[in-house]
Structure formats: structure tokens, C-alpha cells
Protein backbone atom coordinates (compact mmCIF):
# COMPACT_ATOMS: atom_id res chain seq x y z
CA MET A 1 5.30 -9.05 -5.02
CA THR A 2 5.60 -12.78 -5.20
CA ASN A 3 5.50 -15.47 -2.58
CA GLU A 4 7.22 -18.68 -3.62
CA GLY A 5 6.60 -18.00 -7.32
CA GLU A 6 2.94 -17.05 -6.86
CA ASP A 7 1.38 -13.57 -6.85
CA VAL A 8 -0.38 -13.01 -3.55
CA GLU A 9 -2.76 -10.16 -2.87
CA ILE A 10 -4.58 -9.08 0.27
CA GLN A 11 -8.34 -8.67 0.47
CA ILE A 12 -10.06 -6.93 3.41
CA SER A 13 -13.81 -7.16 3.82
CA ASP A 14 -15.97 -6.81 6.95
CA GLY A 15 -12.84 -6.62 9.09
CA ILE A 16 -11.55 -9.97 7.79
CA VAL A 17 -8.12 -10.00 6.17
CA ARG A 18 -7.29 -12.83 3.79
CA ARG A 19 -4.70 -13.61 1.18
CA VAL A 20 -5.91 -14.26 -2.34
CA ARG A 21 -4.04 -15.57 -5.37
CA GLY A 22 -3.57 -12.85 -7.98
CA GLY A 23 -5.43 -13.60 -11.19
CA GLN A 24 -7.48 -16.43 -9.69
CA ASP A 25 -9.29 -15.45 -6.49
CA ALA A 26 -8.45 -11.73 -6.59
CA PRO A 27 -10.81 -9.07 -7.97
CA MET A 28 -10.48 -8.34 -11.69
CA ASN A 29 -11.95 -4.83 -11.84
CA GLY A 30 -10.30 -1.80 -13.43
CA LEU A 31 -8.68 -0.58 -10.22
CA ALA A 32 -7.16 -3.99 -9.49
CA ILE A 33 -5.74 -4.23 -13.01
CA GLN A 34 -4.36 -0.69 -12.72
CA ALA A 35 -2.69 -1.51 -9.38
CA ARG A 36 -1.12 -4.67 -10.80
CA THR A 37 0.17 -2.78 -13.84
CA ILE A 38 1.82 -0.10 -11.69
CA ALA A 39 3.23 -2.73 -9.33
CA ASN A 40 4.95 -4.43 -12.27
CA PHE A 41 6.98 -1.24 -12.83
CA MET A 42 8.01 -0.80 -9.18
CA PRO A 43 11.77 -1.01 -8.63
CA LEU A 44 13.39 -3.71 -6.53
CA MET A 45 13.63 -1.46 -3.45
CA CYS A 46 9.80 -1.38 -3.33
CA ALA A 47 9.52 -5.15 -3.72
CA ARG A 48 11.94 -5.52 -0.81
CA ALA A 49 9.57 -3.36 1.26
CA GLY A 50 7.01 -6.14 1.04
CA ALA A 51 4.80 -4.51 -1.58
CA ASN A 52 1.38 -6.14 -1.94
CA ILE A 53 -1.78 -5.34 -3.83
CA VAL A 54 -4.57 -4.60 -1.33
CA HIS A 55 -8.32 -4.67 -2.01
CA ASN A 56 -9.85 -2.99 1.05
CA SER A 57 -13.64 -2.82 0.72
CA ASP A 58 -13.94 -1.60 4.34
CA ALA A 59 -11.89 1.56 3.61
CA ASN A 60 -13.09 1.65 -0.02
CA TYR A 61 -9.77 1.51 -1.86
CA THR A 62 -7.59 -0.68 -3.99
CA GLY A 63 -3.89 0.04 -3.80
CA ILE A 64 -0.31 -1.06 -3.38
CA ARG A 65 0.80 -1.43 0.24
CA PHE A 66 4.44 -1.08 1.26
CA ASP A 67 5.66 -2.30 4.65
CA THR A 68 8.16 0.49 5.36
CA LYS A 69 10.42 0.94 8.36
CA VAL A 70 7.99 3.50 9.83
CA GLY A 71 4.81 1.55 9.15
CA PRO A 72 2.57 0.73 6.21
CA VAL A 73 2.26 3.16 3.29
CA VAL A 74 -0.43 2.69 0.63
CA LEU A 75 -0.58 4.05 -2.91
CA GLU A 76 -4.34 4.26 -3.41
CA MET A 77 -5.69 3.95 -6.94
CA PRO A 78 -7.82 6.91 -8.01
CA MET A 79 -11.60 6.77 -7.84
CA GLY A 80 -13.26 8.36 -10.86
CA ASP A 81 -11.36 11.50 -11.84
CA GLY A 82 -9.67 11.79 -8.44
CA PRO A 83 -5.92 11.75 -7.85
CA TYR A 84 -3.61 8.96 -6.74
CA ARG A 85 -3.08 9.20 -2.98
CA LEU A 86 0.02 8.13 -1.06
CA VAL A 87 -1.13 7.48 2.51
CA HIS A 88 0.83 6.55 5.64
CA GLU A 89 -1.39 4.24 7.73
CA LEU A 90 -0.77 4.77 11.44
CA MET A 91 -0.57 1.76 13.75
CA GLU A 92 -2.50 3.66 16.43
CA SER A 93 -4.49 6.88 16.31
CA ASP A 94 -2.36 9.98 16.79
CA GLU A 95 -3.12 12.83 19.21
CA LYS A 96 -5.61 14.25 16.68
CA GLY A 97 -7.41 10.89 16.34
CA ARG A 98 -6.19 10.27 12.79
CA THR A 99 -5.51 6.73 11.60
CA GLU A 100 -3.86 7.82 8.35
CA VAL A 101 -1.83 10.72 7.03
CA GLU A 102 -2.03 11.68 3.37
CA MET A 103 1.53 12.41 2.27
CA ARG A 104 1.08 13.16 -1.41
CA ARG A 105 -1.51 13.43 -4.18
CA PHE A 106 -0.80 13.41 -7.88
CA PRO A 107 -3.11 13.55 -10.91
CA GLN A 108 -3.92 10.76 -13.33
CA ILE A 109 -1.85 12.34 -16.12
CA TYR A 110 1.01 9.86 -15.58
CA LYS A 111 1.35 6.46 -17.20
CA PRO A 112 1.85 3.42 -14.92
CA ARG A 113 5.65 3.58 -15.23
CA GLY A 114 5.57 7.25 -14.16
CA VAL A 115 3.31 6.53 -11.18
CA ALA A 116 5.69 3.75 -10.07
CA HIS A 117 8.69 6.07 -10.42
CA ILE A 118 7.07 8.98 -8.53
CA THR A 119 5.98 6.68 -5.72
CA ALA A 120 9.34 4.90 -5.38
CA GLU A 121 11.34 8.15 -5.43
CA PHE A 122 9.06 9.78 -2.87
CA LEU A 123 9.43 6.83 -0.48
CA ARG A 124 13.19 6.55 -1.06
CA SER A 125 13.98 10.26 -0.74
CA ARG A 126 12.06 10.60 2.53
CA GLY A 127 13.64 7.58 4.21
CA PHE A 128 10.67 5.20 4.12
CA LEU A 129 12.56 2.47 2.29
CA LYS A 130 15.54 0.61 3.74
């Protein structure tokens, strides 16, 4: 989650992707803080997968993005009372026209350490992580 000793996050707005410094230029709302807290509990195998905090206002989510060997996977932070979503973002639309595939949902009953564990184990056990 770090780049040369500095936390770097990704912000997407109006189709423009830019890197922002965590804690300085990055958003400081509840979802961003929640994503950072969960990211701090992610095991090393997730950090090796190029995990980054993403603030995507175009797709209306804040989450943790993992660059896996089969493409990007995002753990989306829940909106309101909704669940966490683990989504595989497709590089190109599939035959059904989808650009993402929801792989798993889980409720907000877990603490940040539990969310990190569930996410890491799901990605590891299904061969997403190297």
C-alpha cells in the first residue's frame, strides 16, 4: 500500500484518474477512513497484489483495489446499510455486456480485521493472488 514510504491512493472523477497522497490530498470521509482501516489489516499477499485505496466518483464507490493475475478486483465499502461487495472488474465487456462481476457480498457485522481476513482468504483460495 505504500510507494517509496508514502501512502498513495487513486482518485477517479469525470473519467480522469490521478494519484493522491493518503491523508493529504485524499478524501477524508467515513468510507475512505473505513477503507484505510481495513487495508491496514490486509496480509502481505494482498499488498503484493498491488492493493490501493480507490475513490471512484464516476462509479460511486470507495474501495480497495487489488491487481490480481486475472485482472482488477475491488472490495467496495458499503453504502448505508448495504453489504461489502467484492467485484471483479473486467478489462473488456463480456458476451453479456457486463463490465464487472460481483463475486461475493457480506454484511457489515464484521470488524475491519474480519473484513480483511474474509477478503484475503476468498482471493487466495480461488487463485486470484500469486
